[in-house]
Every structure is written in C-alpha cells, then in structure tokens.
Amino acid sequence: MRGLIFTLILLALPLAARADDSSTITYTSHRYGFALNLPGGGIISDAASDPDWKADSSAAFDWDALDPKAPLSFLGVVVVSFDDDAVDADVSDWMADEAGAENLAKMKAKLLANGAPLSLDGHSWTNARFKYDAADEGEYEIFVTREGHNLYAVYFDYARGSTGGEATARKVLASFTAPVR
C-alpha cells in the first residue's frame, strides 16, 4: 500500500504547480528566456506541467488562482520572437492589435485606458486596461515589454469588485527577469 500512495503522489505533482497564499513561486522559462515570481495560491499550466496544454506556441504559461475571490484571478505570459531585435514599434503594434475592434469583440471587452509607461527594475512596460462587457466580470490589464529578439506580454485578470490585484501585478512585473539562459 505504501508504494501505491507514493506512486500516486508522484503522478499528481507534475500536473500543476501549487502553492499556498502566503508564498511565491519563481517561474523560469529557458525556452522563452524569462523568469518571474508568481503569487502563491494558484495553479500553473504550461506544456511541461499539463499534458492537456493546448495554448498556442507563443503562450508560455497560465496561472489561475485557487480562490475564486482572489483579487488576481488569472495571469498569463505570451512571448513573440522576432528574427531581429524587438523594437518599440513592435510593442506599439501589439498594443494596437489588443485594443483593436476585432480583438475587443472576441474578448467581449472595451478599452478603459492606455496607461503611462511603467519602468520597473530596468524594464519599460507599456500597458492598457480593459473591462469585460459582462456585468459579473472584472477587468484585465496587459503589460508589454521587449528584450532582445523577444516581446513579452503579461496578462492580468482582476476579479470584479476586488482590491489588491494591481499591487500584486506590479510585484510580479518588478520580479521579471530577461534574458534567462
């Protein structure tokens, strides 16, 4: 019986990374060349930890809060690589696509504001904030930066009526490190 329990534990561990609410998890992607600290109390899904991962090849990972009332309910990172170094125009184009009518219709959202550039620990982030159309949905924010050949887009979903999600998002962004080899 002891061998069976041990086997079950080993099989369950790779399916998702979990942590309690008081901790952080450092997520490192050598494939996409970045690392950042995620809040505890969530589940990470990516190609390495989730056999059912169906995200497109540019999606590095998703983090989902275990508590449905957590102020930050979702965090995801998308990485786009270019043949040459990414430039400011690539960031502008990405944000224009995110705020474009086609994407807003797909996301069932509206643009609330384009944020002022945010500089954290050597990275300059361009951001925009959106509101989901559904009355019971919250808001989401996208931050985009570039490093070398890569453009990094970090998505944060804030639970409706909650506080603290923005502060958590800024902590995540402040921990962002690229390149990581």
N, C-alpha and C. Protein backbone atom coordinates (compact mmCIF):
# COMPACT_ATOMS: atom_id res chain seq x y z
N MET A 1 0.82 -1.19 0.00
CA MET A 1 0.00 0.00 0.00
C MET A 1 0.86 1.26 0.00
N ARG A 2 1.97 1.25 0.76
CA ARG A 2 2.85 2.41 0.83
C ARG A 2 3.37 2.75 -0.57
N GLY A 3 3.74 1.78 -1.38
CA GLY A 3 4.23 2.01 -2.74
C GLY A 3 3.17 2.64 -3.62
N LEU A 4 1.92 2.25 -3.45
CA LEU A 4 0.82 2.80 -4.23
C LEU A 4 0.61 4.27 -3.92
N ILE A 5 0.63 4.63 -2.66
CA ILE A 5 0.45 6.04 -2.28
C ILE A 5 1.60 6.88 -2.83
N PHE A 6 2.81 6.38 -2.71
CA PHE A 6 3.97 7.11 -3.22
C PHE A 6 3.84 7.34 -4.73
N THR A 7 3.41 6.32 -5.46
CA THR A 7 3.23 6.43 -6.90
C THR A 7 2.16 7.46 -7.24
N LEU A 8 1.07 7.46 -6.53
CA LEU A 8 0.01 8.44 -6.78
C LEU A 8 0.49 9.86 -6.55
N ILE A 9 1.25 10.08 -5.52
CA ILE A 9 1.77 11.42 -5.24
C ILE A 9 2.70 11.85 -6.37
N LEU A 10 3.57 10.99 -6.81
CA LEU A 10 4.48 11.35 -7.90
C LEU A 10 3.72 11.67 -9.18
N LEU A 11 2.67 10.95 -9.46
CA LEU A 11 1.89 11.22 -10.66
C LEU A 11 1.12 12.53 -10.56
N ALA A 12 0.70 12.90 -9.40
CA ALA A 12 -0.09 14.13 -9.24
C ALA A 12 0.77 15.38 -9.28
N LEU A 13 2.02 15.30 -8.86
CA LEU A 13 2.84 16.50 -8.78
C LEU A 13 3.07 17.21 -10.11
N PRO A 14 3.39 16.54 -11.21
CA PRO A 14 3.68 17.26 -12.44
C PRO A 14 2.48 17.93 -13.08
N LEU A 15 1.28 17.56 -12.72
CA LEU A 15 0.11 18.12 -13.40
C LEU A 15 -0.06 19.60 -13.16
N ALA A 16 0.35 20.13 -12.04
CA ALA A 16 0.22 21.55 -11.78
C ALA A 16 1.11 21.93 -10.62
N ALA A 17 1.65 23.12 -10.70
CA ALA A 17 2.44 23.63 -9.58
C ALA A 17 1.49 24.39 -8.67
N ARG A 18 1.52 24.09 -7.39
CA ARG A 18 0.61 24.72 -6.44
C ARG A 18 1.42 25.33 -5.30
N ALA A 19 0.86 26.39 -4.71
CA ALA A 19 1.47 26.98 -3.52
C ALA A 19 0.37 27.59 -2.68
N ASP A 20 0.65 27.73 -1.39
CA ASP A 20 -0.34 28.37 -0.55
C ASP A 20 -0.32 29.88 -0.77
N ASP A 21 -1.30 30.59 -0.19
CA ASP A 21 -1.47 32.01 -0.44
C ASP A 21 -0.33 32.88 0.09
N SER A 22 0.46 32.41 1.03
CA SER A 22 1.48 33.24 1.64
C SER A 22 2.83 33.16 0.94
N SER A 23 2.96 32.36 -0.07
CA SER A 23 4.24 32.15 -0.72
C SER A 23 4.25 32.71 -2.14
N THR A 24 5.42 32.68 -2.73
CA THR A 24 5.53 32.99 -4.15
C THR A 24 6.22 31.81 -4.83
N ILE A 25 6.02 31.72 -6.11
CA ILE A 25 6.63 30.69 -6.93
C ILE A 25 7.46 31.40 -7.98
N THR A 26 8.71 31.02 -8.13
CA THR A 26 9.52 31.58 -9.21
C THR A 26 9.33 30.69 -10.43
N TYR A 27 8.81 31.28 -11.48
CA TYR A 27 8.60 30.56 -12.73
C TYR A 27 9.73 30.96 -13.67
N THR A 28 10.46 29.98 -14.18
CA THR A 28 11.54 30.23 -15.12
C THR A 28 11.28 29.46 -16.40
N SER A 29 11.39 30.16 -17.51
CA SER A 29 11.25 29.51 -18.81
C SER A 29 12.53 29.73 -19.60
N HIS A 30 13.30 28.66 -19.73
CA HIS A 30 14.51 28.75 -20.55
C HIS A 30 14.14 28.79 -22.03
N ARG A 31 13.05 28.16 -22.36
CA ARG A 31 12.60 28.18 -23.76
C ARG A 31 12.31 29.60 -24.22
N TYR A 32 11.65 30.40 -23.36
CA TYR A 32 11.28 31.76 -23.73
C TYR A 32 12.21 32.82 -23.12
N GLY A 33 13.15 32.40 -22.28
CA GLY A 33 14.17 33.29 -21.78
C GLY A 33 13.74 34.30 -20.74
N PHE A 34 12.89 33.91 -19.78
CA PHE A 34 12.48 34.84 -18.73
C PHE A 34 12.20 34.10 -17.44
N ALA A 35 12.13 34.87 -16.36
CA ALA A 35 11.72 34.36 -15.05
C ALA A 35 10.92 35.46 -14.37
N LEU A 36 10.00 35.05 -13.50
CA LEU A 36 9.26 36.00 -12.67
C LEU A 36 8.67 35.27 -11.47
N ASN A 37 8.29 36.05 -10.47
CA ASN A 37 7.69 35.47 -9.26
C ASN A 37 6.17 35.57 -9.35
N LEU A 38 5.52 34.46 -9.10
CA LEU A 38 4.06 34.39 -9.14
C LEU A 38 3.52 34.33 -7.71
N PRO A 39 2.30 34.82 -7.51
CA PRO A 39 1.71 34.71 -6.17
C PRO A 39 1.41 33.26 -5.83
N GLY A 40 1.43 32.96 -4.54
CA GLY A 40 1.02 31.64 -4.09
C GLY A 40 -0.48 31.49 -4.24
N GLY A 41 -0.97 30.32 -3.99
CA GLY A 41 -2.41 30.09 -4.05
C GLY A 41 -2.93 29.94 -5.46
N GLY A 42 -2.10 29.42 -6.35
CA GLY A 42 -2.55 29.26 -7.73
C GLY A 42 -2.02 28.00 -8.36
N ILE A 43 -2.48 27.74 -9.57
CA ILE A 43 -2.07 26.58 -10.35
C ILE A 43 -1.43 27.08 -11.63
N ILE A 44 -0.26 26.56 -11.93
CA ILE A 44 0.44 26.90 -13.18
C ILE A 44 0.17 25.81 -14.20
N SER A 45 -0.19 26.23 -15.39
CA SER A 45 -0.35 25.29 -16.51
C SER A 45 0.58 25.72 -17.63
N ASP A 46 1.34 24.78 -18.12
CA ASP A 46 2.19 25.01 -19.28
C ASP A 46 2.46 23.68 -19.95
N ALA A 47 3.21 23.71 -21.02
CA ALA A 47 3.47 22.48 -21.77
C ALA A 47 4.22 21.44 -20.94
N ALA A 48 5.05 21.89 -20.00
CA ALA A 48 5.83 20.95 -19.19
C ALA A 48 5.03 20.33 -18.05
N SER A 49 4.01 21.04 -17.55
CA SER A 49 3.31 20.54 -16.37
C SER A 49 1.90 20.03 -16.64
N ASP A 50 1.38 20.30 -17.81
CA ASP A 50 -0.01 19.95 -18.10
C ASP A 50 -0.07 19.17 -19.42
N PRO A 51 -0.37 17.89 -19.36
CA PRO A 51 -0.41 17.10 -20.59
C PRO A 51 -1.52 17.53 -21.55
N ASP A 52 -2.49 18.27 -21.06
CA ASP A 52 -3.58 18.74 -21.91
C ASP A 52 -3.38 20.18 -22.39
N TRP A 53 -2.17 20.73 -22.22
CA TRP A 53 -1.88 22.11 -22.61
C TRP A 53 -2.18 22.29 -24.09
N LYS A 54 -3.08 23.22 -24.37
CA LYS A 54 -3.49 23.42 -25.76
C LYS A 54 -3.24 24.86 -26.22
N ALA A 55 -2.53 25.62 -25.43
CA ALA A 55 -2.27 27.01 -25.79
C ALA A 55 -1.41 27.06 -27.05
N ASP A 56 -1.48 28.19 -27.76
CA ASP A 56 -0.65 28.31 -28.95
C ASP A 56 0.82 28.36 -28.54
N SER A 57 1.68 28.21 -29.50
CA SER A 57 3.11 28.06 -29.19
C SER A 57 3.73 29.31 -28.58
N SER A 58 3.07 30.45 -28.66
CA SER A 58 3.63 31.66 -28.06
C SER A 58 3.22 31.84 -26.59
N ALA A 59 2.27 31.04 -26.11
CA ALA A 59 1.85 31.14 -24.71
C ALA A 59 2.82 30.36 -23.84
N ALA A 60 3.50 31.07 -22.94
CA ALA A 60 4.48 30.42 -22.07
C ALA A 60 3.80 29.64 -20.97
N PHE A 61 2.81 30.25 -20.30
CA PHE A 61 2.10 29.59 -19.21
C PHE A 61 0.86 30.38 -18.84
N ASP A 62 -0.01 29.75 -18.06
CA ASP A 62 -1.15 30.39 -17.41
C ASP A 62 -1.04 30.10 -15.92
N TRP A 63 -1.44 31.05 -15.11
CA TRP A 63 -1.56 30.87 -13.66
C TRP A 63 -2.99 31.22 -13.29
N ASP A 64 -3.67 30.30 -12.61
CA ASP A 64 -5.05 30.52 -12.18
C ASP A 64 -5.12 30.45 -10.67
N ALA A 65 -5.79 31.45 -10.06
CA ALA A 65 -5.95 31.47 -8.61
C ALA A 65 -6.83 30.31 -8.17
N LEU A 66 -6.48 29.69 -7.06
CA LEU A 66 -7.30 28.63 -6.50
C LEU A 66 -8.55 29.20 -5.82
N ASP A 67 -8.43 30.41 -5.26
CA ASP A 67 -9.55 31.07 -4.58
C ASP A 67 -10.29 31.93 -5.60
N PRO A 68 -11.56 31.63 -5.89
CA PRO A 68 -12.29 32.41 -6.89
C PRO A 68 -12.49 33.87 -6.49
N LYS A 69 -12.27 34.21 -5.21
CA LYS A 69 -12.42 35.59 -4.77
C LYS A 69 -11.08 36.32 -4.65
N ALA A 70 -10.01 35.69 -5.09
CA ALA A 70 -8.69 36.33 -5.04
C ALA A 70 -8.71 37.57 -5.94
N PRO A 71 -8.03 38.64 -5.54
CA PRO A 71 -8.05 39.87 -6.35
C PRO A 71 -7.42 39.69 -7.72
N LEU A 72 -6.44 38.82 -7.82
CA LEU A 72 -5.84 38.48 -9.11
C LEU A 72 -6.28 37.07 -9.43
N SER A 73 -7.12 36.93 -10.47
CA SER A 73 -7.69 35.62 -10.75
C SER A 73 -6.94 34.84 -11.82
N PHE A 74 -6.22 35.55 -12.69
CA PHE A 74 -5.51 34.90 -13.80
C PHE A 74 -4.29 35.73 -14.16
N LEU A 75 -3.24 35.03 -14.55
CA LEU A 75 -2.03 35.68 -15.05
C LEU A 75 -1.50 34.80 -16.17
N GLY A 76 -1.15 35.39 -17.28
CA GLY A 76 -0.61 34.63 -18.39
C GLY A 76 0.49 35.40 -19.08
N VAL A 77 1.43 34.69 -19.68
CA VAL A 77 2.52 35.32 -20.41
C VAL A 77 2.55 34.76 -21.83
N VAL A 78 2.61 35.67 -22.80
CA VAL A 78 2.77 35.33 -24.21
C VAL A 78 4.10 35.91 -24.65
N VAL A 79 4.87 35.13 -25.40
CA VAL A 79 6.18 35.57 -25.88
C VAL A 79 6.20 35.44 -27.40
N VAL A 80 6.59 36.52 -28.07
CA VAL A 80 6.73 36.50 -29.51
C VAL A 80 8.20 36.78 -29.83
N SER A 81 8.80 35.93 -30.65
CA SER A 81 10.19 36.09 -31.04
C SER A 81 10.27 36.61 -32.46
N PHE A 82 11.22 37.52 -32.68
CA PHE A 82 11.46 38.12 -33.99
C PHE A 82 12.83 37.68 -34.49
N ASP A 83 13.04 37.77 -35.81
CA ASP A 83 14.35 37.46 -36.37
C ASP A 83 15.39 38.47 -35.91
N ASP A 84 14.99 39.73 -35.79
CA ASP A 84 15.87 40.80 -35.32
C ASP A 84 15.41 41.22 -33.94
N ASP A 85 16.14 42.12 -33.32
CA ASP A 85 15.73 42.62 -32.01
C ASP A 85 14.35 43.25 -32.08
N ALA A 86 13.54 43.00 -31.07
CA ALA A 86 12.23 43.65 -30.97
C ALA A 86 12.46 45.15 -30.74
N VAL A 87 11.60 45.97 -31.32
CA VAL A 87 11.73 47.43 -31.21
C VAL A 87 10.43 48.01 -30.66
N ASP A 88 10.47 49.30 -30.32
CA ASP A 88 9.29 49.96 -29.76
C ASP A 88 8.08 49.83 -30.68
N ALA A 89 8.29 49.85 -31.99
CA ALA A 89 7.17 49.72 -32.92
C ALA A 89 6.48 48.37 -32.77
N ASP A 90 7.22 47.32 -32.44
CA ASP A 90 6.62 46.00 -32.22
C ASP A 90 5.69 46.04 -31.00
N VAL A 91 6.12 46.72 -29.95
CA VAL A 91 5.29 46.87 -28.76
C VAL A 91 4.03 47.66 -29.10
N SER A 92 4.18 48.77 -29.83
CA SER A 92 3.04 49.60 -30.22
C SER A 92 2.06 48.81 -31.07
N ASP A 93 2.59 48.03 -32.01
CA ASP A 93 1.71 47.22 -32.88
C ASP A 93 0.94 46.19 -32.05
N TRP A 94 1.61 45.55 -31.08
CA TRP A 94 0.95 44.57 -30.23
C TRP A 94 -0.21 45.21 -29.48
N MET A 95 0.06 46.36 -28.88
CA MET A 95 -0.98 47.04 -28.10
C MET A 95 -2.12 47.51 -28.99
N ALA A 96 -1.80 47.98 -30.19
CA ALA A 96 -2.85 48.41 -31.12
C ALA A 96 -3.75 47.22 -31.49
N ASP A 97 -3.17 46.05 -31.71
CA ASP A 97 -3.96 44.85 -32.00
C ASP A 97 -4.85 44.48 -30.81
N GLU A 98 -4.30 44.55 -29.60
CA GLU A 98 -5.08 44.21 -28.40
C GLU A 98 -6.27 45.15 -28.22
N ALA A 99 -6.08 46.43 -28.56
CA ALA A 99 -7.15 47.42 -28.38
C ALA A 99 -8.00 47.59 -29.63
N GLY A 100 -7.72 46.80 -30.67
CA GLY A 100 -8.47 46.89 -31.91
C GLY A 100 -9.87 46.31 -31.79
N ALA A 101 -10.75 46.76 -32.66
CA ALA A 101 -12.16 46.37 -32.61
C ALA A 101 -12.34 44.85 -32.71
N GLU A 102 -11.57 44.18 -33.56
CA GLU A 102 -11.71 42.73 -33.73
C GLU A 102 -11.38 41.99 -32.43
N ASN A 103 -10.29 42.37 -31.77
CA ASN A 103 -9.91 41.69 -30.53
C ASN A 103 -10.89 42.02 -29.41
N LEU A 104 -11.33 43.27 -29.33
CA LEU A 104 -12.28 43.64 -28.28
C LEU A 104 -13.60 42.88 -28.44
N ALA A 105 -14.04 42.68 -29.68
CA ALA A 105 -15.26 41.90 -29.91
C ALA A 105 -15.05 40.44 -29.49
N LYS A 106 -13.88 39.88 -29.80
CA LYS A 106 -13.56 38.49 -29.42
C LYS A 106 -13.51 38.35 -27.90
N MET A 107 -12.90 39.32 -27.23
CA MET A 107 -12.75 39.28 -25.77
C MET A 107 -14.01 39.75 -25.04
N LYS A 108 -14.97 40.31 -25.78
CA LYS A 108 -16.18 40.90 -25.18
C LYS A 108 -15.78 41.89 -24.10
N ALA A 109 -15.00 42.88 -24.55
CA ALA A 109 -14.44 43.86 -23.63
C ALA A 109 -14.36 45.23 -24.30
N LYS A 110 -14.07 46.24 -23.48
CA LYS A 110 -13.83 47.58 -24.02
C LYS A 110 -12.57 48.14 -23.37
N LEU A 111 -11.90 48.99 -24.12
CA LEU A 111 -10.69 49.62 -23.63
C LEU A 111 -11.07 50.70 -22.62
N LEU A 112 -10.49 50.63 -21.43
CA LEU A 112 -10.72 51.67 -20.42
C LEU A 112 -9.67 52.76 -20.51
N ALA A 113 -8.41 52.38 -20.62
CA ALA A 113 -7.34 53.39 -20.64
C ALA A 113 -6.04 52.78 -21.14
N ASN A 114 -5.28 53.61 -21.83
CA ASN A 114 -3.88 53.28 -22.11
C ASN A 114 -3.08 53.88 -20.99
N GLY A 115 -2.31 53.08 -20.31
CA GLY A 115 -1.55 53.56 -19.16
C GLY A 115 -0.28 54.27 -19.56
N ALA A 116 0.23 55.04 -18.64
CA ALA A 116 1.52 55.67 -18.83
C ALA A 116 2.59 54.59 -18.77
N PRO A 117 3.69 54.78 -19.50
CA PRO A 117 4.77 53.79 -19.43
C PRO A 117 5.21 53.58 -17.98
N LEU A 118 5.49 52.34 -17.66
CA LEU A 118 5.87 51.96 -16.31
C LEU A 118 7.28 51.37 -16.36
N SER A 119 8.18 51.91 -15.57
CA SER A 119 9.55 51.41 -15.52
C SER A 119 9.76 50.70 -14.20
N LEU A 120 10.11 49.40 -14.29
CA LEU A 120 10.36 48.58 -13.10
C LEU A 120 11.61 47.76 -13.32
N ASP A 121 12.57 47.93 -12.46
CA ASP A 121 13.80 47.12 -12.45
C ASP A 121 14.41 46.94 -13.84
N GLY A 122 14.57 48.04 -14.55
CA GLY A 122 15.25 48.01 -15.83
C GLY A 122 14.40 47.65 -17.03
N HIS A 123 13.13 47.41 -16.82
CA HIS A 123 12.23 47.12 -17.94
C HIS A 123 11.17 48.20 -18.04
N SER A 124 10.95 48.66 -19.26
CA SER A 124 9.91 49.64 -19.51
C SER A 124 8.68 48.91 -20.05
N TRP A 125 7.56 49.07 -19.37
CA TRP A 125 6.33 48.36 -19.73
C TRP A 125 5.32 49.34 -20.32
N THR A 126 4.70 48.95 -21.42
CA THR A 126 3.57 49.67 -21.99
C THR A 126 2.33 48.90 -21.58
N ASN A 127 1.28 49.61 -21.18
CA ASN A 127 0.12 48.86 -20.70
C ASN A 127 -1.20 49.49 -21.13
N ALA A 128 -2.23 48.67 -21.05
CA ALA A 128 -3.60 49.11 -21.31
C ALA A 128 -4.51 48.31 -20.40
N ARG A 129 -5.63 48.95 -20.02
CA ARG A 129 -6.60 48.30 -19.12
C ARG A 129 -7.93 48.17 -19.85
N PHE A 130 -8.58 47.03 -19.64
CA PHE A 130 -9.81 46.70 -20.33
C PHE A 130 -10.87 46.28 -19.33
N LYS A 131 -12.14 46.43 -19.70
CA LYS A 131 -13.27 46.00 -18.88
C LYS A 131 -14.08 45.01 -19.69
N TYR A 132 -14.34 43.85 -19.09
CA TYR A 132 -15.20 42.87 -19.75
C TYR A 132 -16.62 43.43 -19.82
N ASP A 133 -17.34 43.10 -20.91
CA ASP A 133 -18.70 43.60 -21.10
C ASP A 133 -19.70 43.04 -20.10
N ALA A 134 -19.53 41.79 -19.71
CA ALA A 134 -20.47 41.14 -18.79
C ALA A 134 -20.42 41.83 -17.43
N ALA A 135 -21.59 42.06 -16.86
CA ALA A 135 -21.69 42.79 -15.59
C ALA A 135 -21.00 42.07 -14.44
N ASP A 136 -20.95 40.74 -14.49
CA ASP A 136 -20.34 39.99 -13.39
C ASP A 136 -18.84 39.72 -13.60
N GLU A 137 -18.28 40.24 -14.67
CA GLU A 137 -16.84 40.04 -14.95
C GLU A 137 -16.06 41.25 -14.46
N GLY A 138 -14.78 41.07 -14.25
CA GLY A 138 -13.92 42.14 -13.80
C GLY A 138 -13.21 42.84 -14.95
N GLU A 139 -11.99 43.23 -14.69
CA GLU A 139 -11.18 43.93 -15.67
C GLU A 139 -9.90 43.14 -15.91
N TYR A 140 -9.22 43.48 -16.99
CA TYR A 140 -7.91 42.88 -17.23
C TYR A 140 -6.96 43.95 -17.73
N GLU A 141 -5.69 43.67 -17.52
CA GLU A 141 -4.65 44.62 -17.89
C GLU A 141 -3.55 43.85 -18.61
N ILE A 142 -2.97 44.48 -19.62
CA ILE A 142 -1.89 43.89 -20.39
C ILE A 142 -0.67 44.80 -20.27
N PHE A 143 0.47 44.19 -19.97
CA PHE A 143 1.74 44.90 -19.92
C PHE A 143 2.66 44.26 -20.95
N VAL A 144 3.34 45.08 -21.74
CA VAL A 144 4.22 44.57 -22.79
C VAL A 144 5.59 45.23 -22.67
N THR A 145 6.62 44.40 -22.79
CA THR A 145 8.00 44.89 -22.81
C THR A 145 8.76 44.10 -23.88
N ARG A 146 9.97 44.53 -24.15
CA ARG A 146 10.80 43.83 -25.13
C ARG A 146 12.19 43.63 -24.56
N GLU A 147 12.81 42.56 -24.98
CA GLU A 147 14.19 42.26 -24.58
C GLU A 147 14.81 41.41 -25.68
N GLY A 148 15.85 41.92 -26.30
CA GLY A 148 16.50 41.18 -27.39
C GLY A 148 15.51 40.91 -28.52
N HIS A 149 15.43 39.65 -28.94
CA HIS A 149 14.53 39.26 -30.03
C HIS A 149 13.09 39.03 -29.58
N ASN A 150 12.82 39.14 -28.28
CA ASN A 150 11.51 38.78 -27.75
C ASN A 150 10.67 39.97 -27.32
N LEU A 151 9.38 39.81 -27.53
CA LEU A 151 8.37 40.70 -26.98
C LEU A 151 7.62 39.88 -25.94
N TYR A 152 7.46 40.42 -24.73
CA TYR A 152 6.79 39.72 -23.63
C TYR A 152 5.50 40.46 -23.29
N ALA A 153 4.38 39.77 -23.35
CA ALA A 153 3.08 40.34 -22.98
C ALA A 153 2.57 39.59 -21.75
N VAL A 154 2.33 40.34 -20.68
CA VAL A 154 1.86 39.73 -19.43
C VAL A 154 0.42 40.19 -19.21
N TYR A 155 -0.48 39.23 -19.04
CA TYR A 155 -1.92 39.49 -18.89
C TYR A 155 -2.32 39.23 -17.45
N PHE A 156 -3.07 40.17 -16.87
CA PHE A 156 -3.58 40.04 -15.51
C PHE A 156 -5.09 40.22 -15.53
N ASP A 157 -5.85 39.29 -14.96
CA ASP A 157 -7.29 39.44 -14.77
C ASP A 157 -7.54 39.80 -13.32
N TYR A 158 -8.31 40.88 -13.11
CA TYR A 158 -8.65 41.32 -11.76
C TYR A 158 -10.11 40.95 -11.49
N ALA A 159 -10.36 40.34 -10.36
CA ALA A 159 -11.72 39.94 -10.00
C ALA A 159 -12.60 41.17 -9.80
N ARG A 160 -13.83 41.07 -10.20
CA ARG A 160 -14.79 42.17 -10.07
C ARG A 160 -14.94 42.57 -8.61
N GLY A 161 -14.83 43.88 -8.36
CA GLY A 161 -15.05 44.41 -7.02
C GLY A 161 -13.93 44.15 -6.03
N SER A 162 -12.82 43.58 -6.48
CA SER A 162 -11.74 43.26 -5.56
C SER A 162 -10.71 44.39 -5.52
N THR A 163 -9.91 44.37 -4.49
CA THR A 163 -8.79 45.30 -4.40
C THR A 163 -7.52 44.49 -4.17
N GLY A 164 -6.41 45.04 -4.55
CA GLY A 164 -5.14 44.37 -4.33
C GLY A 164 -4.56 43.69 -5.56
N GLY A 165 -5.35 43.50 -6.59
CA GLY A 165 -4.85 42.84 -7.80
C GLY A 165 -3.76 43.65 -8.48
N GLU A 166 -3.94 44.97 -8.54
CA GLU A 166 -2.95 45.82 -9.19
C GLU A 166 -1.61 45.77 -8.46
N ALA A 167 -1.65 45.81 -7.13
CA ALA A 167 -0.41 45.75 -6.35
C ALA A 167 0.31 44.42 -6.58
N THR A 168 -0.44 43.34 -6.65
CA THR A 168 0.15 42.03 -6.92
C THR A 168 0.75 42.01 -8.31
N ALA A 169 0.05 42.58 -9.28
CA ALA A 169 0.57 42.63 -10.66
C ALA A 169 1.88 43.39 -10.71
N ARG A 170 1.99 44.50 -10.00
CA ARG A 170 3.23 45.30 -10.00
C ARG A 170 4.39 44.51 -9.37
N LYS A 171 4.10 43.70 -8.35
CA LYS A 171 5.14 42.87 -7.74
C LYS A 171 5.63 41.82 -8.74
N VAL A 172 4.71 41.24 -9.48
CA VAL A 172 5.08 40.24 -10.49
C VAL A 172 5.97 40.90 -11.54
N LEU A 173 5.55 42.06 -12.04
CA LEU A 173 6.33 42.75 -13.06
C LEU A 173 7.71 43.17 -12.54
N ALA A 174 7.78 43.61 -11.29
CA ALA A 174 9.06 44.02 -10.70
C ALA A 174 10.01 42.84 -10.60
N SER A 175 9.49 41.62 -10.53
CA SER A 175 10.35 40.43 -10.42
C SER A 175 10.79 39.89 -11.78
N PHE A 176 10.25 40.44 -12.85
CA PHE A 176 10.53 39.95 -14.21
C PHE A 176 12.01 40.08 -14.54
N THR A 177 12.59 38.98 -15.03
CA THR A 177 14.00 38.96 -15.42
C THR A 177 14.10 38.37 -16.82
N ALA A 178 14.78 39.08 -17.70
CA ALA A 178 15.06 38.57 -19.04
C ALA A 178 16.33 39.27 -19.51
N PRO A 179 17.19 38.65 -20.20
CA PRO A 179 17.10 37.25 -20.62
C PRO A 179 17.54 36.29 -19.52
N VAL A 180 17.01 35.10 -19.59
CA VAL A 180 17.42 33.98 -18.74
C VAL A 180 17.85 32.89 -19.70
N ARG A 181 19.01 32.35 -19.46
CA ARG A 181 19.52 31.32 -20.37
C ARG A 181 19.69 30.01 -19.65
